Amino acid sequence: MKAPNWRNCGAWIAFAAIWVGLGIAQPGALTLGNLVSILRQVSSDYMLAIGATVVIISGGIDLSPGAVLGLAGMVASLAIPRFGIEAGIVAGMGTAVVCGLVSGGLIAWTGLWPFVATLGMMSIARGLTYAISGGRAASDLPQAFFVLGRGNVPILIALALGLVAHLILTRSAVGRRLYALGGNEQAAFLSGVPVRRLKVGVYATAGLCTGIAALVFTSRLQSAQVEPGIGFELRAIAAAVIGGTSLAGGQGSVIGTLAGALIIGTIQNALNQLQVPAFWQYTVVGTAIIAAALLDRAVRRSRAGRADAR
């Protein structure tokens, strides 16, 4: 079952309240330019969060996008000087999709828990990044590649990816099957949903989102670092959950996830301007995840109580 519209509205109302609060606390921050700056900062996070949203809606979880982003970015950065920009882009995105296929295959065909499979993939991807880079950053990239990370291009790519994901989730048979899978896997199977293939496709899709985010992120940095993406999976999951995606599966939307990403980005922007140490930012994000999960749990219990009363 799809998430009720009020959940998305709640996330957007929360974002508006935080945005206004930022403007009151810091006069001059409430500007279109600052909003665009935040959008630019969270563009890669939102792309990862789109993949996280799809996975969580299906009833799974993915802990690997941060590490896979680093691996995909490194593969692309090493391939571009040798084979050209187009080949490097394909190599980077292909690497991320393969990682998703492997995780999805392990989950669908061996029954491995998503937490375990994606935790293993996170470690594998991190190790491969070190192995192929020799522990060094890759920065021999042409200027033409940097277009992906300049100006408002990351924002446009992120919003376009979000629009495509939204249309698939809300206007296609695949989307309906995805919500059914997350709502009740056994019932979905009995109704004819190809559960195993759908699970593999879900993680491959998350890998594709990660690959696109990796290219944009690497382009913005103008190099591939050895340890990028640390903590990115936390922000991706947080954006999805804060935006109304239920960790129990079967509910969520990428529109709500965008609000979640903006909430996190706005809070981090405010903390940066206040010169709050980075470790407190992780604390805030973690607290937001717990609060959103508790709210989701309370809502589901309330619905169950109303259903029993009928």
Protein backbone atom coordinates (compact mmCIF):
# COMPACT_ATOMS: atom_id res chain seq x y z
CA MET A 1 0.00 0.00 0.00
CA LYS A 2 1.30 3.41 -0.92
CA ALA A 3 2.07 5.97 1.72
CA PRO A 4 -0.75 8.40 2.52
CA ASN A 5 -0.25 11.87 1.15
CA TRP A 6 -0.20 13.40 4.64
CA ARG A 7 3.12 11.71 5.37
CA ASN A 8 4.72 13.58 2.48
CA CYS A 9 3.00 16.79 3.58
CA GLY A 10 4.34 16.28 7.10
CA ALA A 11 7.92 16.07 5.82
CA TRP A 12 7.49 19.17 3.71
CA ILE A 13 5.86 21.06 6.58
CA ALA A 14 8.78 20.07 8.79
CA PHE A 15 11.23 21.31 6.15
CA ALA A 16 9.38 24.64 5.86
CA ALA A 17 9.40 25.05 9.65
CA ILE A 18 13.14 24.31 9.85
CA TRP A 19 13.81 26.65 6.93
CA VAL A 20 11.87 29.50 8.57
CA GLY A 21 13.57 28.75 11.89
CA LEU A 22 16.95 29.01 10.18
CA GLY A 23 15.94 32.37 8.77
CA ILE A 24 14.93 33.63 12.20
CA ALA A 25 18.08 32.35 13.89
CA GLN A 26 20.34 33.58 11.11
CA PRO A 27 18.95 36.66 9.35
CA GLY A 28 19.92 36.62 5.69
CA ALA A 29 19.94 32.81 5.44
CA LEU A 30 16.35 32.70 4.18
CA THR A 31 17.24 33.35 0.53
CA LEU A 32 16.72 31.59 -2.77
CA GLY A 33 20.47 31.48 -3.25
CA ASN A 34 20.96 29.60 0.01
CA LEU A 35 18.17 27.16 -0.91
CA VAL A 36 19.83 26.46 -4.27
CA SER A 37 23.14 25.98 -2.46
CA ILE A 38 21.53 23.40 -0.16
CA LEU A 39 19.93 21.66 -3.13
CA ARG A 40 23.33 21.47 -4.78
CA GLN A 41 24.89 20.05 -1.62
CA VAL A 42 22.25 17.34 -1.18
CA SER A 43 21.96 16.37 -4.85
CA SER A 44 24.21 13.31 -4.54
CA ASP A 45 22.59 12.39 -1.21
CA TYR A 46 19.16 12.55 -2.83
CA MET A 47 20.23 10.27 -5.68
CA LEU A 48 21.45 7.72 -3.15
CA ALA A 49 18.27 8.23 -1.12
CA ILE A 50 16.12 7.46 -4.16
CA GLY A 51 17.77 4.06 -4.34
CA ALA A 52 17.39 3.62 -0.58
CA THR A 53 13.69 4.52 -0.83
CA VAL A 54 13.06 1.89 -3.50
CA VAL A 55 14.89 -0.75 -1.46
CA ILE A 56 13.10 0.08 1.81
CA ILE A 57 9.69 0.15 0.11
CA SER A 58 10.41 -3.41 -1.07
CA GLY A 59 11.04 -4.47 2.52
CA GLY A 60 14.86 -4.46 2.31
CA ILE A 61 17.77 -2.33 3.45
CA ASP A 62 21.03 -1.34 1.78
CA LEU A 63 24.14 -0.45 3.78
CA SER A 64 26.52 -0.36 0.81
CA PRO A 65 25.79 2.79 -1.26
CA GLY A 66 28.51 4.92 0.34
CA ALA A 67 31.23 2.33 -0.35
CA VAL A 68 29.85 1.50 -3.81
CA LEU A 69 29.82 5.21 -4.64
CA GLY A 70 33.54 5.33 -3.83
CA LEU A 71 34.28 2.25 -5.95
CA ALA A 72 32.21 3.44 -8.92
CA GLY A 73 33.82 6.87 -8.80
CA MET A 74 37.30 5.36 -8.67
CA VAL A 75 36.59 2.98 -11.58
CA ALA A 76 35.26 5.85 -13.68
CA SER A 77 38.21 8.09 -12.79
CA LEU A 78 40.76 5.43 -13.74
CA ALA A 79 38.94 4.50 -16.95
CA ILE A 80 38.30 8.00 -18.31
CA PRO A 81 41.96 8.96 -18.99
CA ARG A 82 42.55 5.64 -20.77
CA PHE A 83 39.32 5.00 -22.65
CA GLY A 84 37.48 8.32 -22.79
CA ILE A 85 34.68 10.00 -20.87
CA GLU A 86 31.85 7.91 -22.32
CA ALA A 87 33.56 4.60 -21.58
CA GLY A 88 34.50 5.78 -18.09
CA ILE A 89 30.92 6.79 -17.33
CA VAL A 90 29.64 3.40 -18.50
CA ALA A 91 32.33 1.64 -16.46
CA GLY A 92 31.49 3.57 -13.30
CA MET A 93 27.74 3.10 -13.59
CA GLY A 94 28.17 -0.52 -14.62
CA THR A 95 30.30 -1.21 -11.55
CA ALA A 96 27.59 0.14 -9.25
CA VAL A 97 24.85 -1.84 -11.02
CA VAL A 98 26.89 -5.05 -10.78
CA CYS A 99 27.32 -4.46 -7.03
CA GLY A 100 23.55 -4.08 -6.76
CA LEU A 101 22.96 -7.23 -8.81
CA VAL A 102 25.30 -9.22 -6.57
CA SER A 103 23.61 -7.99 -3.39
CA GLY A 104 20.15 -8.57 -4.83
CA GLY A 105 21.11 -12.02 -6.09
CA LEU A 106 22.44 -13.06 -2.70
CA ILE A 107 19.27 -11.83 -1.00
CA ALA A 108 16.83 -13.28 -3.53
CA TRP A 109 18.45 -16.63 -4.34
CA THR A 110 20.24 -17.61 -1.13
CA GLY A 111 17.88 -16.10 1.42
CA LEU A 112 20.68 -14.02 2.95
CA TRP A 113 19.41 -11.18 5.09
CA PRO A 114 19.64 -7.78 3.33
CA PHE A 115 21.54 -6.37 6.30
CA VAL A 116 24.22 -9.08 6.02
CA ALA A 117 24.45 -9.07 2.21
CA THR A 118 24.80 -5.32 1.88
CA LEU A 119 27.13 -5.05 4.87
CA GLY A 120 29.37 -7.57 3.12
CA MET A 121 29.12 -5.62 -0.14
CA MET A 122 30.08 -2.44 1.71
CA SER A 123 33.31 -4.08 2.91
CA ILE A 124 34.03 -5.64 -0.50
CA ALA A 125 33.53 -2.34 -2.32
CA ARG A 126 35.73 -0.47 0.13
CA GLY A 127 38.47 -3.05 -0.24
CA LEU A 128 38.29 -3.04 -4.05
CA THR A 129 38.57 0.74 -4.05
CA TYR A 130 41.85 0.50 -2.16
CA ALA A 131 43.07 -2.35 -4.36
CA ILE A 132 42.52 -0.70 -7.74
CA SER A 133 43.70 2.73 -6.62
CA GLY A 134 46.77 1.62 -4.71
CA GLY A 135 45.57 3.85 -1.89
CA ARG A 136 45.94 7.02 -4.00
CA ALA A 137 43.40 9.52 -5.27
CA ALA A 138 42.71 9.65 -9.02
CA SER A 139 42.67 13.20 -10.34
CA ASP A 140 43.82 12.95 -13.98
CA LEU A 141 40.41 13.88 -15.35
CA PRO A 142 39.51 16.10 -18.33
CA GLN A 143 37.69 19.38 -17.90
CA ALA A 144 34.73 18.13 -19.94
CA PHE A 145 33.90 15.59 -17.22
CA PHE A 146 33.55 18.34 -14.62
CA VAL A 147 30.39 19.62 -16.32
CA LEU A 148 28.39 17.01 -14.39
CA GLY A 149 29.27 18.69 -11.10
CA ARG A 150 29.12 22.35 -12.08
CA GLY A 151 26.45 24.91 -11.31
CA ASN A 152 22.93 23.57 -11.16
CA VAL A 153 23.62 20.47 -13.25
CA PRO A 154 23.68 18.16 -10.17
CA ILE A 155 20.30 19.56 -9.10
CA LEU A 156 18.77 18.93 -12.52
CA ILE A 157 20.13 15.38 -12.66
CA ALA A 158 18.84 14.61 -9.16
CA LEU A 159 15.38 16.03 -9.85
CA ALA A 160 15.16 14.20 -13.19
CA LEU A 161 16.10 10.92 -11.51
CA GLY A 162 13.53 11.58 -8.80
CA LEU A 163 10.82 12.28 -11.39
CA VAL A 164 11.54 9.04 -13.26
CA ALA A 165 11.49 7.06 -9.99
CA HIS A 166 8.24 8.75 -8.94
CA LEU A 167 6.53 7.87 -12.22
CA ILE A 168 7.70 4.25 -12.02
CA LEU A 169 6.51 3.89 -8.43
CA THR A 170 3.12 5.53 -8.97
CA ARG A 171 2.21 4.89 -12.60
CA SER A 172 3.53 1.43 -13.47
CA ALA A 173 2.82 -2.22 -12.72
CA VAL A 174 6.38 -2.53 -11.41
CA GLY A 175 5.65 0.14 -8.82
CA ARG A 176 2.47 -1.59 -7.67
CA ARG A 177 4.33 -4.88 -7.36
CA LEU A 178 7.06 -3.18 -5.37
CA TYR A 179 4.63 -1.83 -2.78
CA ALA A 180 2.94 -5.22 -2.64
CA LEU A 181 6.27 -6.94 -2.05
CA GLY A 182 7.13 -4.63 0.83
CA GLY A 183 3.66 -4.83 2.32
CA ASN A 184 3.43 -8.63 2.41
CA GLU A 185 5.99 -10.74 0.56
CA GLN A 186 4.03 -14.00 0.92
CA ALA A 187 0.82 -12.44 -0.36
CA ALA A 188 2.71 -10.83 -3.25
CA PHE A 189 4.19 -14.22 -4.19
CA LEU A 190 0.80 -15.93 -4.08
CA SER A 191 -0.68 -13.18 -6.28
CA GLY A 192 1.88 -13.88 -9.00
CA VAL A 193 4.56 -11.27 -8.30
CA PRO A 194 7.99 -12.57 -9.41
CA VAL A 195 9.49 -11.93 -6.00
CA ARG A 196 13.06 -13.05 -6.67
CA ARG A 197 13.43 -11.17 -9.95
CA LEU A 198 11.87 -8.08 -8.41
CA LYS A 199 14.29 -8.15 -5.47
CA VAL A 200 17.28 -8.40 -7.81
CA GLY A 201 15.88 -5.55 -9.89
CA VAL A 202 15.37 -3.40 -6.79
CA TYR A 203 19.01 -3.65 -5.72
CA ALA A 204 20.23 -3.20 -9.30
CA THR A 205 18.13 -0.02 -9.48
CA ALA A 206 19.66 1.19 -6.24
CA GLY A 207 23.06 0.45 -7.76
CA LEU A 208 22.17 2.54 -10.83
CA CYS A 209 21.18 5.47 -8.60
CA THR A 210 24.47 5.06 -6.73
CA GLY A 211 26.43 5.00 -10.00
CA ILE A 212 24.86 8.26 -11.17
CA ALA A 213 25.51 9.84 -7.77
CA ALA A 214 29.13 8.65 -7.93
CA LEU A 215 29.72 10.37 -11.27
CA VAL A 216 28.19 13.64 -10.08
CA PHE A 217 30.06 13.52 -6.77
CA THR A 218 33.40 12.72 -8.43
CA SER A 219 32.83 15.49 -10.96
CA ARG A 220 32.13 18.00 -8.18
CA LEU A 221 35.32 17.00 -6.33
CA GLN A 222 37.23 16.85 -9.65
CA SER A 223 38.90 13.68 -8.38
CA ALA A 224 38.14 10.25 -6.94
CA GLN A 225 39.23 9.91 -3.33
CA VAL A 226 40.17 6.66 -1.63
CA GLU A 227 37.64 7.03 1.18
CA PRO A 228 34.65 8.97 -0.15
CA GLY A 229 31.09 8.17 0.75
CA ILE A 230 31.70 7.32 4.41
CA GLY A 231 28.40 7.88 6.19
CA PHE A 232 26.52 8.48 2.93
CA GLU A 233 24.38 5.38 3.47
CA LEU A 234 23.32 6.84 6.81
CA ARG A 235 22.15 10.07 5.20
CA ALA A 236 20.39 8.18 2.39
CA ILE A 237 18.43 6.00 4.79
CA ALA A 238 17.73 9.01 7.01
CA ALA A 239 16.34 11.04 4.10
CA ALA A 240 14.03 8.18 3.12
CA VAL A 241 12.78 7.53 6.65
CA ILE A 242 12.37 11.20 7.57
CA GLY A 243 10.49 11.63 4.28
CA GLY A 244 7.89 9.07 5.33
CA THR A 245 9.25 5.78 4.00
CA SER A 246 8.36 3.02 6.46
CA LEU A 247 11.21 0.77 7.57
CA ALA A 248 8.61 -2.01 7.70
CA GLY A 249 8.25 -1.76 3.92
CA GLY A 250 5.31 -1.12 1.63
CA GLN A 251 5.11 2.65 2.16
CA GLY A 252 7.08 5.62 0.93
CA SER A 253 7.71 8.01 -1.94
CA VAL A 254 10.66 9.78 -3.52
CA ILE A 255 8.81 13.09 -3.13
CA GLY A 256 8.83 12.66 0.62
CA THR A 257 12.46 11.55 0.41
CA LEU A 258 13.36 14.84 -1.27
CA ALA A 259 11.88 16.67 1.73
CA GLY A 260 13.90 14.41 4.02
CA ALA A 261 17.11 15.16 2.13
CA LEU A 262 16.40 18.89 2.30
CA ILE A 263 15.72 18.69 6.04
CA ILE A 264 19.08 17.01 6.62
CA GLY A 265 20.83 19.43 4.26
CA THR A 266 19.28 22.46 5.93
CA ILE A 267 20.25 21.24 9.40
CA GLN A 268 23.81 20.54 8.27
CA ASN A 269 23.97 23.93 6.57
CA ALA A 270 22.89 25.63 9.78
CA LEU A 271 25.36 23.62 11.87
CA ASN A 272 28.17 24.49 9.45
CA GLN A 273 27.34 28.18 9.63
CA LEU A 274 27.30 27.93 13.41
CA GLN A 275 30.69 26.15 13.20
CA VAL A 276 29.38 23.11 15.05
CA PRO A 277 31.90 20.19 14.93
CA ALA A 278 31.19 17.48 12.33
CA PHE A 279 30.66 14.74 14.92
CA TRP A 280 27.62 16.57 16.26
CA GLN A 281 26.17 16.53 12.74
CA TYR A 282 26.29 12.73 12.75
CA THR A 283 24.59 12.81 16.14
CA VAL A 284 21.79 14.99 14.77
CA VAL A 285 21.24 12.74 11.74
CA GLY A 286 21.19 9.64 13.93
CA THR A 287 18.71 11.25 16.29
CA ALA A 288 16.50 12.19 13.34
CA ILE A 289 16.49 8.57 12.12
CA ILE A 290 15.44 7.28 15.56
CA ALA A 291 12.73 9.94 15.90
CA ALA A 292 11.33 9.17 12.44
CA ALA A 293 11.39 5.42 13.10
CA LEU A 294 9.58 5.89 16.42
CA LEU A 295 6.97 8.04 14.71
CA ASP A 296 6.50 5.42 11.99
CA ARG A 297 6.10 2.71 14.65
CA ALA A 298 3.53 4.78 16.54
CA VAL A 299 1.54 5.42 13.35
CA ARG A 300 1.50 1.72 12.44
CA ARG A 301 0.38 0.76 15.95
CA SER A 302 -2.37 3.35 15.81
CA ARG A 303 -3.60 1.98 12.48
CA ALA A 304 -3.49 -1.57 13.80
CA GLY A 305 -5.54 -0.49 16.82
CA ARG A 306 -8.16 1.18 14.63
CA ALA A 307 -8.32 -1.90 12.40
CA ASP A 308 -8.86 -4.17 15.42
CA ALA A 309 -11.58 -1.85 16.72
CA ARG A 310 -13.52 -2.30 13.49
